[in-house]
N, C-alpha and C. Protein backbone atom coordinates (compact mmCIF):
# COMPACT_ATOMS: atom_id res chain seq x y z
N MET A 1 0.86 -1.17 0.00
CA MET A 1 0.00 0.00 0.00
C MET A 1 0.90 1.22 0.00
N SER A 2 0.63 2.14 -0.90
CA SER A 2 1.43 3.36 -0.94
C SER A 2 0.99 4.30 0.17
N GLY A 3 1.80 5.31 0.46
CA GLY A 3 1.55 6.22 1.57
C GLY A 3 0.27 7.02 1.47
N ASP A 4 -0.28 7.21 0.26
CA ASP A 4 -1.46 8.04 0.12
C ASP A 4 -2.77 7.25 0.14
N GLU A 5 -2.70 5.92 0.27
CA GLU A 5 -3.91 5.11 0.34
C GLU A 5 -4.38 4.99 1.78
N THR A 6 -5.67 5.12 1.98
CA THR A 6 -6.27 5.00 3.29
C THR A 6 -6.97 3.65 3.37
N PRO A 7 -6.75 2.90 4.45
CA PRO A 7 -7.47 1.63 4.58
C PRO A 7 -8.98 1.87 4.55
N ARG A 8 -9.70 0.94 3.98
CA ARG A 8 -11.16 1.06 3.92
C ARG A 8 -11.77 0.83 5.29
N TYR A 9 -11.15 -0.04 6.09
CA TYR A 9 -11.68 -0.37 7.41
C TYR A 9 -10.67 -0.02 8.47
N ASP A 10 -11.19 0.33 9.63
CA ASP A 10 -10.33 0.57 10.78
C ASP A 10 -10.21 -0.74 11.56
N GLY A 11 -9.59 -1.73 10.94
CA GLY A 11 -9.38 -3.03 11.57
C GLY A 11 -10.36 -4.08 11.13
N VAL A 12 -10.03 -5.31 11.48
CA VAL A 12 -10.82 -6.46 11.05
C VAL A 12 -12.21 -6.48 11.70
N ASP A 13 -12.34 -5.96 12.92
CA ASP A 13 -13.66 -5.94 13.56
C ASP A 13 -14.64 -5.08 12.77
N GLU A 14 -14.17 -3.95 12.26
CA GLU A 14 -15.02 -3.09 11.45
C GLU A 14 -15.35 -3.78 10.12
N MET A 15 -14.39 -4.48 9.55
CA MET A 15 -14.62 -5.22 8.32
C MET A 15 -15.68 -6.29 8.52
N LEU A 16 -15.58 -7.02 9.64
CA LEU A 16 -16.55 -8.06 9.97
C LEU A 16 -17.94 -7.45 10.19
N ALA A 17 -18.01 -6.35 10.89
CA ALA A 17 -19.30 -5.68 11.13
C ALA A 17 -19.94 -5.25 9.82
N ASP A 18 -19.14 -4.75 8.91
CA ASP A 18 -19.67 -4.35 7.60
C ASP A 18 -20.20 -5.57 6.85
N ALA A 19 -19.45 -6.65 6.84
CA ALA A 19 -19.90 -7.87 6.15
C ALA A 19 -21.23 -8.34 6.74
N ARG A 20 -21.31 -8.38 8.05
CA ARG A 20 -22.53 -8.86 8.71
C ARG A 20 -23.71 -7.94 8.48
N SER A 21 -23.46 -6.65 8.24
CA SER A 21 -24.57 -5.72 8.00
C SER A 21 -25.29 -6.03 6.69
N HIS A 22 -24.68 -6.82 5.84
CA HIS A 22 -25.28 -7.19 4.56
C HIS A 22 -25.93 -8.57 4.60
N LEU A 23 -25.78 -9.28 5.70
CA LEU A 23 -26.26 -10.66 5.79
C LEU A 23 -27.52 -10.75 6.64
N ASP A 24 -28.37 -11.68 6.26
CA ASP A 24 -29.52 -12.05 7.10
C ASP A 24 -29.11 -13.37 7.74
N ARG A 25 -28.27 -13.27 8.77
CA ARG A 25 -27.67 -14.45 9.40
C ARG A 25 -28.75 -15.33 10.04
N VAL A 26 -28.47 -16.63 10.08
CA VAL A 26 -29.42 -17.58 10.66
C VAL A 26 -28.76 -18.33 11.81
N ASP A 27 -29.57 -18.74 12.77
CA ASP A 27 -29.02 -19.59 13.82
C ASP A 27 -28.97 -21.02 13.30
N ALA A 28 -28.35 -21.89 14.06
CA ALA A 28 -28.15 -23.27 13.61
C ALA A 28 -29.48 -23.97 13.36
N ALA A 29 -30.46 -23.77 14.22
CA ALA A 29 -31.76 -24.43 14.06
C ALA A 29 -32.45 -23.97 12.78
N GLN A 30 -32.39 -22.68 12.47
CA GLN A 30 -32.99 -22.17 11.24
C GLN A 30 -32.28 -22.75 10.02
N ALA A 31 -30.96 -22.82 10.06
CA ALA A 31 -30.20 -23.41 8.95
C ALA A 31 -30.64 -24.86 8.74
N HIS A 32 -30.77 -25.60 9.83
CA HIS A 32 -31.19 -27.00 9.75
C HIS A 32 -32.58 -27.12 9.13
N ARG A 33 -33.51 -26.26 9.55
CA ARG A 33 -34.86 -26.29 8.98
C ARG A 33 -34.84 -26.01 7.47
N GLU A 34 -34.03 -25.05 7.05
CA GLU A 34 -33.94 -24.73 5.62
C GLU A 34 -33.36 -25.91 4.84
N LEU A 35 -32.38 -26.59 5.42
CA LEU A 35 -31.80 -27.76 4.75
C LEU A 35 -32.84 -28.86 4.60
N LEU A 36 -33.58 -29.14 5.68
CA LEU A 36 -34.59 -30.20 5.64
C LEU A 36 -35.71 -29.88 4.65
N ALA A 37 -36.02 -28.60 4.51
CA ALA A 37 -37.07 -28.19 3.58
C ALA A 37 -36.59 -28.20 2.13
N GLY A 38 -35.29 -28.39 1.93
CA GLY A 38 -34.75 -28.39 0.58
C GLY A 38 -34.56 -27.00 0.00
N ASP A 39 -34.56 -26.00 0.89
CA ASP A 39 -34.46 -24.61 0.44
C ASP A 39 -33.04 -24.07 0.40
N ALA A 40 -32.06 -24.85 0.87
CA ALA A 40 -30.71 -24.32 1.02
C ALA A 40 -29.69 -25.43 0.92
N ILE A 41 -28.46 -25.01 0.73
CA ILE A 41 -27.32 -25.91 0.82
C ILE A 41 -26.37 -25.34 1.87
N LEU A 42 -25.87 -26.21 2.71
CA LEU A 42 -24.91 -25.82 3.75
C LEU A 42 -23.51 -26.05 3.20
N VAL A 43 -22.64 -25.07 3.35
CA VAL A 43 -21.28 -25.18 2.86
C VAL A 43 -20.31 -25.01 4.03
N ASP A 44 -19.64 -26.10 4.37
CA ASP A 44 -18.66 -26.10 5.45
C ASP A 44 -17.32 -25.68 4.85
N ILE A 45 -16.81 -24.53 5.28
CA ILE A 45 -15.57 -23.99 4.72
C ILE A 45 -14.34 -24.26 5.60
N ARG A 46 -14.51 -25.05 6.65
CA ARG A 46 -13.39 -25.29 7.57
C ARG A 46 -12.35 -26.20 6.92
N PRO A 47 -11.08 -25.99 7.26
CA PRO A 47 -10.03 -26.88 6.76
C PRO A 47 -10.20 -28.30 7.29
N ALA A 48 -9.67 -29.26 6.56
CA ALA A 48 -9.80 -30.68 6.93
C ALA A 48 -9.36 -30.94 8.36
N ALA A 49 -8.24 -30.35 8.77
CA ALA A 49 -7.73 -30.60 10.12
C ALA A 49 -8.73 -30.13 11.18
N GLN A 50 -9.39 -29.02 10.93
CA GLN A 50 -10.36 -28.50 11.90
C GLN A 50 -11.61 -29.38 11.92
N ARG A 51 -12.06 -29.83 10.76
CA ARG A 51 -13.22 -30.73 10.73
C ARG A 51 -12.89 -32.03 11.46
N GLU A 52 -11.68 -32.52 11.27
CA GLU A 52 -11.28 -33.75 11.95
C GLU A 52 -11.23 -33.57 13.46
N ALA A 53 -10.73 -32.43 13.90
CA ALA A 53 -10.59 -32.18 15.34
C ALA A 53 -11.93 -31.85 16.01
N GLU A 54 -12.79 -31.11 15.33
CA GLU A 54 -14.00 -30.59 15.95
C GLU A 54 -15.26 -31.37 15.61
N GLY A 55 -15.24 -32.12 14.53
CA GLY A 55 -16.41 -32.86 14.08
C GLY A 55 -16.99 -32.26 12.82
N GLU A 56 -17.99 -32.96 12.28
CA GLU A 56 -18.58 -32.54 11.02
C GLU A 56 -20.10 -32.66 11.07
N VAL A 57 -20.75 -31.89 10.24
CA VAL A 57 -22.20 -31.99 10.06
C VAL A 57 -22.49 -33.35 9.42
N ASP A 58 -23.61 -33.93 9.78
CA ASP A 58 -24.03 -35.21 9.21
C ASP A 58 -24.05 -35.12 7.69
N PRO A 59 -23.29 -35.97 7.00
CA PRO A 59 -23.22 -35.89 5.54
C PRO A 59 -24.52 -36.29 4.84
N ALA A 60 -25.52 -36.79 5.58
CA ALA A 60 -26.81 -37.11 4.97
C ALA A 60 -27.59 -35.84 4.62
N LEU A 61 -27.20 -34.71 5.20
CA LEU A 61 -27.85 -33.43 4.92
C LEU A 61 -27.30 -32.84 3.62
N PRO A 62 -28.04 -31.91 2.99
CA PRO A 62 -27.52 -31.24 1.79
C PRO A 62 -26.31 -30.38 2.16
N LEU A 63 -25.16 -30.94 1.98
CA LEU A 63 -23.92 -30.35 2.48
C LEU A 63 -22.84 -30.41 1.42
N GLN A 64 -22.08 -29.35 1.31
CA GLN A 64 -20.87 -29.33 0.51
C GLN A 64 -19.74 -28.96 1.46
N VAL A 65 -18.61 -29.63 1.32
CA VAL A 65 -17.41 -29.25 2.04
C VAL A 65 -16.50 -28.60 1.00
N ILE A 66 -16.37 -27.29 1.12
CA ILE A 66 -15.56 -26.52 0.18
C ILE A 66 -14.71 -25.58 1.01
N GLU A 67 -13.44 -25.85 1.09
CA GLU A 67 -12.59 -25.03 1.96
C GLU A 67 -12.57 -23.58 1.47
N ARG A 68 -12.36 -22.69 2.42
CA ARG A 68 -12.46 -21.25 2.20
C ARG A 68 -11.65 -20.75 1.02
N ASN A 69 -10.48 -21.31 0.80
CA ASN A 69 -9.60 -20.76 -0.23
C ASN A 69 -10.11 -20.94 -1.66
N VAL A 70 -11.14 -21.76 -1.87
CA VAL A 70 -11.68 -21.94 -3.23
C VAL A 70 -13.18 -21.64 -3.31
N LEU A 71 -13.78 -21.15 -2.26
CA LEU A 71 -15.22 -20.96 -2.19
C LEU A 71 -15.78 -20.14 -3.34
N GLU A 72 -15.20 -18.98 -3.61
CA GLU A 72 -15.74 -18.10 -4.65
C GLU A 72 -15.70 -18.78 -6.03
N TRP A 73 -14.65 -19.50 -6.31
CA TRP A 73 -14.54 -20.18 -7.61
C TRP A 73 -15.60 -21.28 -7.75
N ARG A 74 -15.92 -21.93 -6.66
CA ARG A 74 -16.90 -23.03 -6.71
C ARG A 74 -18.34 -22.54 -6.82
N PHE A 75 -18.63 -21.33 -6.30
CA PHE A 75 -20.01 -20.84 -6.33
C PHE A 75 -20.27 -19.72 -7.32
N ASP A 76 -19.25 -19.21 -7.98
CA ASP A 76 -19.47 -18.20 -9.01
C ASP A 76 -20.04 -18.90 -10.24
N PRO A 77 -21.29 -18.59 -10.62
CA PRO A 77 -21.89 -19.26 -11.77
C PRO A 77 -21.10 -19.08 -13.07
N ARG A 78 -20.22 -18.08 -13.13
CA ARG A 78 -19.41 -17.84 -14.33
C ARG A 78 -18.12 -18.63 -14.35
N SER A 79 -17.78 -19.25 -13.24
CA SER A 79 -16.49 -19.94 -13.12
C SER A 79 -16.53 -21.33 -13.74
N GLU A 80 -15.46 -21.68 -14.41
CA GLU A 80 -15.34 -23.03 -14.96
C GLU A 80 -15.19 -24.07 -13.85
N ALA A 81 -14.80 -23.64 -12.67
CA ALA A 81 -14.59 -24.55 -11.53
C ALA A 81 -15.82 -24.63 -10.62
N ARG A 82 -16.96 -24.11 -11.07
CA ARG A 82 -18.17 -24.07 -10.23
C ARG A 82 -18.74 -25.46 -9.96
N VAL A 83 -19.44 -25.56 -8.82
CA VAL A 83 -20.18 -26.77 -8.48
C VAL A 83 -21.55 -26.69 -9.17
N PRO A 84 -22.22 -27.83 -9.37
CA PRO A 84 -23.52 -27.80 -10.04
C PRO A 84 -24.56 -26.90 -9.35
N GLU A 85 -24.46 -26.72 -8.05
CA GLU A 85 -25.42 -25.90 -7.29
C GLU A 85 -25.19 -24.40 -7.47
N ALA A 86 -24.11 -24.00 -8.11
CA ALA A 86 -23.79 -22.57 -8.25
C ALA A 86 -24.88 -21.86 -9.05
N SER A 87 -25.46 -20.85 -8.43
CA SER A 87 -26.53 -20.08 -9.06
C SER A 87 -26.65 -18.76 -8.31
N TYR A 88 -27.03 -17.72 -9.04
CA TYR A 88 -27.22 -16.43 -8.38
C TYR A 88 -28.36 -16.47 -7.38
N ASP A 89 -29.31 -17.37 -7.58
CA ASP A 89 -30.46 -17.47 -6.68
C ASP A 89 -30.29 -18.53 -5.60
N ALA A 90 -29.15 -19.20 -5.56
CA ALA A 90 -28.94 -20.27 -4.58
C ALA A 90 -28.96 -19.72 -3.15
N ARG A 91 -29.58 -20.48 -2.27
CA ARG A 91 -29.54 -20.16 -0.84
C ARG A 91 -28.34 -20.92 -0.29
N VAL A 92 -27.23 -20.24 -0.15
CA VAL A 92 -26.00 -20.82 0.33
C VAL A 92 -25.80 -20.37 1.78
N ILE A 93 -25.74 -21.34 2.68
CA ILE A 93 -25.51 -21.03 4.10
C ILE A 93 -24.11 -21.52 4.44
N VAL A 94 -23.24 -20.59 4.76
CA VAL A 94 -21.83 -20.90 5.00
C VAL A 94 -21.62 -21.19 6.49
N LEU A 95 -20.78 -22.18 6.75
CA LEU A 95 -20.50 -22.63 8.11
C LEU A 95 -19.00 -22.68 8.33
N CYS A 96 -18.54 -22.03 9.39
CA CYS A 96 -17.15 -22.19 9.83
C CYS A 96 -17.20 -22.70 11.27
N GLN A 97 -16.15 -22.60 12.01
CA GLN A 97 -16.15 -23.15 13.36
C GLN A 97 -16.97 -22.32 14.34
N GLU A 98 -16.82 -20.98 14.30
CA GLU A 98 -17.50 -20.14 15.30
C GLU A 98 -18.31 -19.00 14.72
N GLY A 99 -18.37 -18.89 13.39
CA GLY A 99 -19.22 -17.87 12.78
C GLY A 99 -18.55 -16.56 12.46
N TYR A 100 -17.25 -16.53 12.36
CA TYR A 100 -16.54 -15.30 11.99
C TYR A 100 -16.11 -15.36 10.52
N THR A 101 -15.30 -16.33 10.18
CA THR A 101 -14.84 -16.49 8.80
C THR A 101 -16.02 -16.68 7.86
N SER A 102 -17.04 -17.37 8.32
CA SER A 102 -18.21 -17.61 7.47
C SER A 102 -18.92 -16.31 7.11
N SER A 103 -18.93 -15.33 7.99
CA SER A 103 -19.56 -14.04 7.68
C SER A 103 -18.82 -13.35 6.54
N LEU A 104 -17.50 -13.35 6.61
CA LEU A 104 -16.71 -12.73 5.55
C LEU A 104 -16.89 -13.49 4.24
N ALA A 105 -16.95 -14.82 4.32
CA ALA A 105 -17.11 -15.65 3.12
C ALA A 105 -18.48 -15.45 2.49
N ALA A 106 -19.53 -15.43 3.30
CA ALA A 106 -20.89 -15.23 2.77
C ALA A 106 -21.01 -13.87 2.11
N HIS A 107 -20.40 -12.87 2.72
CA HIS A 107 -20.44 -11.53 2.12
C HIS A 107 -19.70 -11.52 0.78
N ALA A 108 -18.60 -12.23 0.70
CA ALA A 108 -17.87 -12.33 -0.57
C ALA A 108 -18.75 -12.97 -1.65
N LEU A 109 -19.53 -13.99 -1.28
CA LEU A 109 -20.45 -14.61 -2.24
C LEU A 109 -21.51 -13.61 -2.69
N GLN A 110 -22.02 -12.82 -1.75
CA GLN A 110 -22.99 -11.79 -2.12
C GLN A 110 -22.38 -10.80 -3.12
N GLN A 111 -21.13 -10.45 -2.90
CA GLN A 111 -20.47 -9.52 -3.81
C GLN A 111 -20.31 -10.10 -5.22
N LEU A 112 -20.35 -11.43 -5.33
CA LEU A 112 -20.31 -12.08 -6.64
C LEU A 112 -21.72 -12.17 -7.26
N GLY A 113 -22.74 -11.78 -6.50
CA GLY A 113 -24.10 -11.79 -7.01
C GLY A 113 -24.98 -12.88 -6.45
N ILE A 114 -24.46 -13.70 -5.54
CA ILE A 114 -25.24 -14.76 -4.92
C ILE A 114 -25.96 -14.12 -3.73
N HIS A 115 -27.05 -13.43 -4.04
CA HIS A 115 -27.69 -12.50 -3.10
C HIS A 115 -28.32 -13.15 -1.89
N ARG A 116 -28.59 -14.46 -1.92
CA ARG A 116 -29.21 -15.13 -0.77
C ARG A 116 -28.18 -15.80 0.14
N ALA A 117 -26.90 -15.60 -0.11
CA ALA A 117 -25.86 -16.20 0.73
C ALA A 117 -25.90 -15.61 2.13
N THR A 118 -25.64 -16.45 3.12
CA THR A 118 -25.58 -16.02 4.51
C THR A 118 -24.72 -17.00 5.28
N ASP A 119 -24.71 -16.88 6.60
CA ASP A 119 -23.93 -17.81 7.41
C ASP A 119 -24.66 -18.15 8.70
N VAL A 120 -24.09 -19.10 9.43
CA VAL A 120 -24.66 -19.59 10.68
C VAL A 120 -24.02 -18.85 11.85
N VAL A 121 -24.84 -18.20 12.64
CA VAL A 121 -24.37 -17.53 13.86
C VAL A 121 -23.78 -18.60 14.79
N GLY A 122 -22.54 -18.42 15.18
CA GLY A 122 -21.90 -19.35 16.10
C GLY A 122 -21.25 -20.55 15.44
N GLY A 123 -21.45 -20.72 14.12
CA GLY A 123 -20.79 -21.76 13.36
C GLY A 123 -21.08 -23.18 13.81
N PHE A 124 -20.13 -24.07 13.52
CA PHE A 124 -20.30 -25.48 13.87
C PHE A 124 -20.42 -25.68 15.38
N ALA A 125 -19.74 -24.85 16.15
CA ALA A 125 -19.85 -24.96 17.61
C ALA A 125 -21.30 -24.79 18.04
N ALA A 126 -22.02 -23.84 17.45
CA ALA A 126 -23.43 -23.63 17.77
C ALA A 126 -24.29 -24.78 17.24
N TRP A 127 -23.92 -25.30 16.07
CA TRP A 127 -24.64 -26.44 15.48
C TRP A 127 -24.59 -27.63 16.44
N ARG A 128 -23.38 -27.94 16.90
CA ARG A 128 -23.21 -29.07 17.82
C ARG A 128 -23.92 -28.79 19.15
N GLU A 129 -23.78 -27.59 19.65
CA GLU A 129 -24.41 -27.19 20.92
C GLU A 129 -25.93 -27.33 20.86
N ALA A 130 -26.52 -27.07 19.69
CA ALA A 130 -27.96 -27.18 19.51
C ALA A 130 -28.43 -28.63 19.36
N GLY A 131 -27.48 -29.56 19.35
CA GLY A 131 -27.83 -30.97 19.24
C GLY A 131 -28.25 -31.38 17.84
N LEU A 132 -27.83 -30.63 16.85
CA LEU A 132 -28.18 -30.95 15.46
C LEU A 132 -27.31 -32.07 14.94
N PRO A 133 -27.73 -32.73 13.85
CA PRO A 133 -27.03 -33.93 13.37
C PRO A 133 -25.57 -33.68 12.98
N VAL A 134 -24.72 -34.52 13.55
CA VAL A 134 -23.30 -34.50 13.23
C VAL A 134 -22.89 -35.90 12.78
N ALA A 135 -21.78 -35.95 12.06
CA ALA A 135 -21.26 -37.23 11.62
C ALA A 135 -20.82 -38.04 12.85
N ALA A 136 -20.93 -39.34 12.74
CA ALA A 136 -20.48 -40.19 13.84
C ALA A 136 -19.00 -39.93 14.08
N ASP A 137 -18.63 -39.76 15.32
CA ASP A 137 -17.23 -39.55 15.65
C ASP A 137 -16.44 -40.82 15.37
N PRO A 138 -15.24 -40.68 14.80
CA PRO A 138 -14.44 -41.88 14.53
C PRO A 138 -14.05 -42.57 15.84
N LEU A 139 -13.92 -43.87 15.76
CA LEU A 139 -13.51 -44.63 16.93
C LEU A 139 -12.05 -44.37 17.25
N PRO A 140 -11.69 -44.40 18.55
CA PRO A 140 -10.28 -44.14 18.92
C PRO A 140 -9.36 -45.24 18.43
């Protein structure tokens, strides 16, 4: 950054607040209801190591595991690397571990034109806390 450029945000907290101001965030129970109704797809953006350590959403649900570093390419309807579900009208609910990274990711999807993108308040930790379906834990 050159000396005459001013940062757009006064820190990451302000950036996060701005991202969230554009989202209609849902709690874990609401996300689960939307999945069961067939109205949404849940996208877990956590890295493999974190999913292994913390657990995963039950794979029987409409779920995509797409790590954060490729999310935009997979959901941009114009991208050659898109998933079949990529659509400007798709209801994409992004999930991270605690609901911070997912807010930034969902906002990035909105900026690509996926206007119904949002995230889960509290992330996977809230999902598990609410007693929602998770994958069976591996045996020791």
